[in-house]
Amino acid sequence: MGELKQAGIKSPGQIAVSSNRNDAAFLATVCGVFGLLAVLLGQLPGDWGFFSSYLAGSVILVVMGIGSTAPGLLQGIIDKFSQLWPDYKQRVVAHEAAHLLLGYLMGVPVTSYSMSIGSEHVEFAEAKLQARIFQKDLSDAEIDALAVVCVAGIAAEGLAYDEVMGQTADLGDLQRILLRSKNKLSATQQQNITRWAVWRAAGLLKQFNAEHKAVQEALQRGDGIDKVVQAIEAVSTSTSSS
């Protein structure tokens, strides 16, 4: 973990730990709001007060029940709720911009992007290899390039924040890629590649910090991929000529 700390990752031990910040905040808000609503509605006269407060309290039980048995059903609502966090927008932009920039730098083109944290970008691999990654074995060079692109968003968040929010889908993509290696990798080797990829991605993001900022600005404007590439190349040209 020392090399990741030296690379600028604020909390190397937390990059693979799924954050429950949004889930906990959503649950606390639901309990607080509907709990208070139940108390207030209970002040209504007669049966109105009883049934209204009962229904408000039932919402809490339903949400908790769904969260414990089928949490995926709440994910869309929680994603919307998470947008209330002050750092949400910038975190998403930095995360996705890192994928796009490092895809460009590593020669792994992308055809589209999403502004939602946790979005999967399998199109990186398909564009690079001209075949689905699940249908062919990958060379060491392909593994290295794709691994860096996969963890780019993790590295971007790790450089800026103590807690990484969007690593689940990225690490899932990376795991599927590692399983397609021509040279079968042990669990230890997979962990080493993951750490190396984060270290490499962090180094590239620091080296090409100006390009990363340019991509973020392009995403905030909603530019297409061609405009994003132009933004990267404009910064690179300006830097090389200065």
Protein backbone atom coordinates (compact mmCIF):
# COMPACT_ATOMS: atom_id res chain seq x y z
CA MET A 1 0.00 0.00 0.00
CA GLY A 2 2.99 2.29 0.47
CA GLU A 3 3.46 2.82 -3.24
CA LEU A 4 -0.18 3.91 -3.58
CA LYS A 5 0.28 6.41 -0.77
CA GLN A 6 3.37 7.77 -2.51
CA ALA A 7 1.38 8.02 -5.74
CA GLY A 8 -1.05 10.35 -3.98
CA ILE A 9 -3.90 8.01 -3.07
CA LYS A 10 -5.29 9.43 0.18
CA SER A 11 -6.56 6.17 1.72
CA PRO A 12 -5.10 3.15 -0.13
CA GLY A 13 -6.71 0.70 2.27
CA GLN A 14 -10.19 2.00 1.42
CA ILE A 15 -10.13 1.93 -2.38
CA ALA A 16 -11.65 -1.57 -2.56
CA VAL A 17 -14.12 -1.02 0.29
CA SER A 18 -17.64 -0.25 -0.88
CA SER A 19 -18.92 2.94 0.71
CA ASN A 20 -22.28 2.85 2.48
CA ARG A 21 -22.44 6.62 2.91
CA ASN A 22 -25.31 7.13 0.49
CA ASP A 23 -27.25 4.11 1.77
CA ALA A 24 -26.91 5.17 5.40
CA ALA A 25 -27.82 8.79 4.67
CA PHE A 26 -30.89 7.72 2.67
CA LEU A 27 -32.11 5.39 5.42
CA ALA A 28 -31.54 8.00 8.12
CA THR A 29 -33.45 10.58 6.08
CA VAL A 30 -36.39 8.23 5.46
CA CYS A 31 -36.59 7.29 9.15
CA GLY A 32 -36.28 10.89 10.29
CA VAL A 33 -38.77 12.40 7.84
CA PHE A 34 -41.47 9.73 8.06
CA GLY A 35 -40.94 9.27 11.80
CA LEU A 36 -41.58 12.96 12.35
CA LEU A 37 -44.49 12.85 9.89
CA ALA A 38 -46.05 9.96 11.83
CA VAL A 39 -45.84 11.95 15.07
CA LEU A 40 -47.40 15.03 13.47
CA LEU A 41 -50.17 13.07 11.76
CA GLY A 42 -50.90 11.34 15.05
CA GLN A 43 -52.16 14.65 16.33
CA LEU A 44 -55.10 14.58 13.92
CA PRO A 45 -58.45 13.88 15.57
CA GLY A 46 -60.07 10.46 15.61
CA ASP A 47 -59.28 7.67 13.22
CA TRP A 48 -57.56 10.06 10.81
CA GLY A 49 -54.69 10.47 13.24
CA PHE A 50 -54.35 6.74 13.88
CA PHE A 51 -54.42 5.58 10.28
CA SER A 52 -52.31 8.47 8.92
CA SER A 53 -49.53 7.97 11.46
CA TYR A 54 -49.70 4.20 10.87
CA LEU A 55 -49.25 4.64 7.11
CA ALA A 56 -46.34 7.07 7.59
CA GLY A 57 -44.62 4.62 9.93
CA SER A 58 -45.26 1.78 7.51
CA VAL A 59 -43.16 3.53 4.87
CA ILE A 60 -40.11 3.15 7.14
CA LEU A 61 -40.79 -0.56 7.60
CA VAL A 62 -41.28 -1.10 3.87
CA VAL A 63 -38.04 0.70 2.96
CA MET A 64 -36.07 -1.21 5.59
CA GLY A 65 -37.61 -4.48 4.45
CA ILE A 66 -36.72 -3.87 0.80
CA GLY A 67 -33.25 -2.72 1.79
CA SER A 68 -32.56 -5.94 3.68
CA THR A 69 -34.05 -8.37 1.14
CA ALA A 70 -33.71 -6.72 -2.29
CA PRO A 71 -31.50 -3.62 -1.97
CA GLY A 72 -31.10 -3.35 -5.73
CA LEU A 73 -34.71 -2.17 -5.97
CA LEU A 74 -33.77 0.96 -4.02
CA GLN A 75 -30.58 1.72 -5.93
CA GLY A 76 -32.19 4.08 -8.41
CA ILE A 77 -33.78 6.10 -5.62
CA ILE A 78 -30.54 6.17 -3.64
CA ASP A 79 -28.62 7.30 -6.73
CA LYS A 80 -31.02 10.22 -7.11
CA PHE A 81 -30.79 10.99 -3.39
CA SER A 82 -26.98 10.95 -3.51
CA GLN A 83 -27.07 13.93 -5.87
CA LEU A 84 -27.87 16.05 -2.82
CA TRP A 85 -24.30 15.62 -1.60
CA PRO A 86 -22.17 18.69 -2.42
CA ASP A 87 -19.34 16.56 -3.86
CA TYR A 88 -21.55 14.29 -5.99
CA LYS A 89 -21.37 16.16 -9.29
CA GLN A 90 -17.64 16.79 -9.21
CA ARG A 91 -16.92 13.25 -8.04
CA VAL A 92 -18.86 11.76 -10.96
CA VAL A 93 -17.24 14.09 -13.48
CA ALA A 94 -13.71 13.38 -12.22
CA HIS A 95 -14.39 9.63 -12.18
CA GLU A 96 -15.71 9.42 -15.73
CA ALA A 97 -13.18 11.91 -17.10
CA ALA A 98 -10.39 9.67 -15.78
CA HIS A 99 -11.79 6.67 -17.67
CA LEU A 100 -11.96 8.67 -20.88
CA LEU A 101 -8.53 10.25 -20.57
CA LEU A 102 -6.70 7.05 -19.69
CA GLY A 103 -8.58 5.18 -22.37
CA TYR A 104 -7.19 7.72 -24.83
CA LEU A 105 -3.66 7.53 -23.38
CA MET A 106 -3.59 3.72 -23.28
CA GLY A 107 -4.95 3.35 -26.82
CA VAL A 108 -8.29 1.98 -25.66
CA PRO A 109 -10.92 4.05 -27.53
CA VAL A 110 -14.38 4.67 -26.12
CA THR A 111 -17.55 5.28 -28.09
CA SER A 112 -19.79 6.69 -25.35
CA TYR A 113 -19.78 7.77 -21.72
CA SER A 114 -22.16 8.01 -18.78
CA MET A 115 -22.28 10.66 -16.08
CA SER A 116 -23.48 8.21 -13.42
CA ILE A 117 -21.02 6.84 -10.87
CA GLY A 118 -20.63 3.08 -11.16
CA SER A 119 -21.45 2.91 -14.86
CA GLU A 120 -19.74 0.06 -16.66
CA HIS A 121 -17.65 0.79 -19.73
CA VAL A 122 -17.17 -2.54 -21.44
CA GLU A 123 -17.07 -0.66 -24.75
CA PHE A 124 -13.47 0.23 -23.90
CA ALA A 125 -12.45 -3.38 -24.27
CA GLU A 126 -14.60 -4.07 -27.30
CA ALA A 127 -13.21 -1.11 -29.23
CA LYS A 128 -9.64 -2.07 -28.40
CA LEU A 129 -9.85 -5.75 -29.19
CA GLN A 130 -12.53 -5.81 -31.90
CA ALA A 131 -14.08 -8.71 -29.96
CA ARG A 132 -15.98 -9.12 -26.73
CA ILE A 133 -13.57 -9.65 -23.84
CA PHE A 134 -15.64 -12.59 -22.69
CA GLN A 135 -14.97 -14.49 -25.92
CA LYS A 136 -11.18 -14.42 -26.20
CA ASP A 137 -8.11 -14.73 -24.05
CA LEU A 138 -6.11 -11.57 -23.43
CA SER A 139 -2.37 -11.06 -23.66
CA ASP A 140 -0.35 -9.52 -20.84
CA ALA A 141 -0.14 -6.22 -22.73
CA GLU A 142 -3.90 -6.13 -23.24
CA ILE A 143 -4.48 -6.97 -19.58
CA ASP A 144 -2.18 -4.14 -18.48
CA ALA A 145 -3.82 -1.52 -20.70
CA LEU A 146 -7.37 -2.53 -19.85
CA ALA A 147 -6.59 -2.78 -16.13
CA VAL A 148 -5.34 0.80 -16.03
CA VAL A 149 -8.46 2.04 -17.83
CA CYS A 150 -10.74 0.02 -15.54
CA VAL A 151 -9.34 1.53 -12.34
CA ALA A 152 -8.87 5.07 -13.69
CA GLY A 153 -12.01 6.33 -11.96
CA ILE A 154 -10.95 4.71 -8.68
CA ALA A 155 -7.56 6.42 -8.91
CA ALA A 156 -9.18 9.79 -9.67
CA GLU A 157 -11.44 9.55 -6.63
CA GLY A 158 -8.61 8.22 -4.46
CA LEU A 159 -6.42 11.20 -5.36
CA ALA A 160 -9.13 13.68 -4.37
CA TYR A 161 -11.14 11.99 -1.60
CA ASP A 162 -10.56 9.80 1.44
CA GLU A 163 -13.48 7.59 0.42
CA VAL A 164 -14.04 6.04 -3.03
CA MET A 165 -17.69 5.74 -4.09
CA GLY A 166 -17.67 4.33 -7.62
CA GLN A 167 -15.37 1.33 -7.45
CA THR A 168 -17.85 -1.57 -7.47
CA ALA A 169 -18.56 -1.69 -11.21
CA ASP A 170 -14.94 -0.84 -12.08
CA LEU A 171 -13.53 -3.68 -9.99
CA GLY A 172 -16.15 -6.02 -11.44
CA ASP A 173 -15.00 -5.16 -14.96
CA LEU A 174 -11.39 -5.63 -13.93
CA GLN A 175 -12.11 -9.03 -12.41
CA ARG A 176 -13.76 -10.23 -15.62
CA ILE A 177 -10.79 -9.00 -17.63
CA LEU A 178 -8.25 -10.71 -15.36
CA LEU A 179 -10.13 -13.99 -15.68
CA ARG A 180 -9.60 -13.82 -19.46
CA SER A 181 -5.81 -13.73 -19.22
CA LYS A 182 -3.97 -16.21 -21.44
CA ASN A 183 -1.69 -16.86 -18.51
CA LYS A 184 -3.98 -17.88 -15.68
CA LEU A 185 -3.48 -15.57 -12.73
CA SER A 186 -3.46 -16.55 -9.08
CA ALA A 187 -5.38 -14.50 -6.52
CA THR A 188 -2.12 -12.88 -5.41
CA GLN A 189 -1.18 -11.98 -8.99
CA GLN A 190 -4.62 -10.45 -9.55
CA GLN A 191 -4.24 -8.32 -6.42
CA ASN A 192 -0.78 -7.22 -7.55
CA ILE A 193 -2.08 -6.22 -10.99
CA THR A 194 -4.93 -4.29 -9.38
CA ARG A 195 -2.56 -2.35 -7.10
CA TRP A 196 -0.16 -1.73 -9.98
CA ALA A 197 -3.00 -0.52 -12.21
CA VAL A 198 -4.22 1.96 -9.56
CA TRP A 199 -0.63 3.15 -9.03
CA ARG A 200 -0.11 3.56 -12.79
CA ALA A 201 -3.45 5.30 -13.27
CA ALA A 202 -2.75 7.72 -10.42
CA GLY A 203 0.64 8.55 -11.90
CA LEU A 204 -0.83 9.23 -15.34
CA LEU A 205 -3.61 11.39 -13.91
CA LYS A 206 -1.05 13.49 -12.04
CA GLN A 207 1.19 13.70 -15.11
CA PHE A 208 -1.71 14.69 -17.36
CA ASN A 209 -3.56 16.76 -14.81
CA ALA A 210 -4.28 19.58 -17.28
CA GLU A 211 -5.77 17.13 -19.77
CA HIS A 212 -7.88 15.58 -17.00
CA LYS A 213 -9.29 19.01 -16.12
CA ALA A 214 -10.01 19.69 -19.80
CA VAL A 215 -11.95 16.43 -20.10
CA GLN A 216 -13.94 17.26 -16.97
CA GLU A 217 -14.90 20.61 -18.46
CA ALA A 218 -15.94 18.89 -21.69
CA LEU A 219 -18.13 16.41 -19.82
CA GLN A 220 -19.77 19.19 -17.85
CA ARG A 221 -20.67 20.83 -21.16
CA GLY A 222 -22.05 17.52 -22.42
CA ASP A 223 -19.61 17.36 -25.33
CA GLY A 224 -19.48 14.31 -27.57
CA ILE A 225 -16.48 11.96 -27.68
CA ASP A 226 -14.98 13.80 -30.67
CA LYS A 227 -15.03 17.08 -28.73
CA VAL A 228 -13.51 15.38 -25.69
CA VAL A 229 -10.62 14.06 -27.79
CA GLN A 230 -10.12 17.52 -29.28
CA ALA A 231 -9.95 18.97 -25.76
CA ILE A 232 -7.25 16.46 -24.79
CA GLU A 233 -5.20 17.08 -27.91
CA ALA A 234 -5.53 20.86 -27.59
CA VAL A 235 -4.00 20.76 -24.10
CA SER A 236 -1.30 18.32 -25.17
CA THR A 237 -0.37 20.50 -28.15
CA SER A 238 -0.30 23.63 -25.99
CA THR A 239 1.88 21.93 -23.38
CA SER A 240 4.37 20.52 -25.91
CA SER A 241 4.76 23.88 -27.65
CA SER A 242 5.33 25.87 -24.48
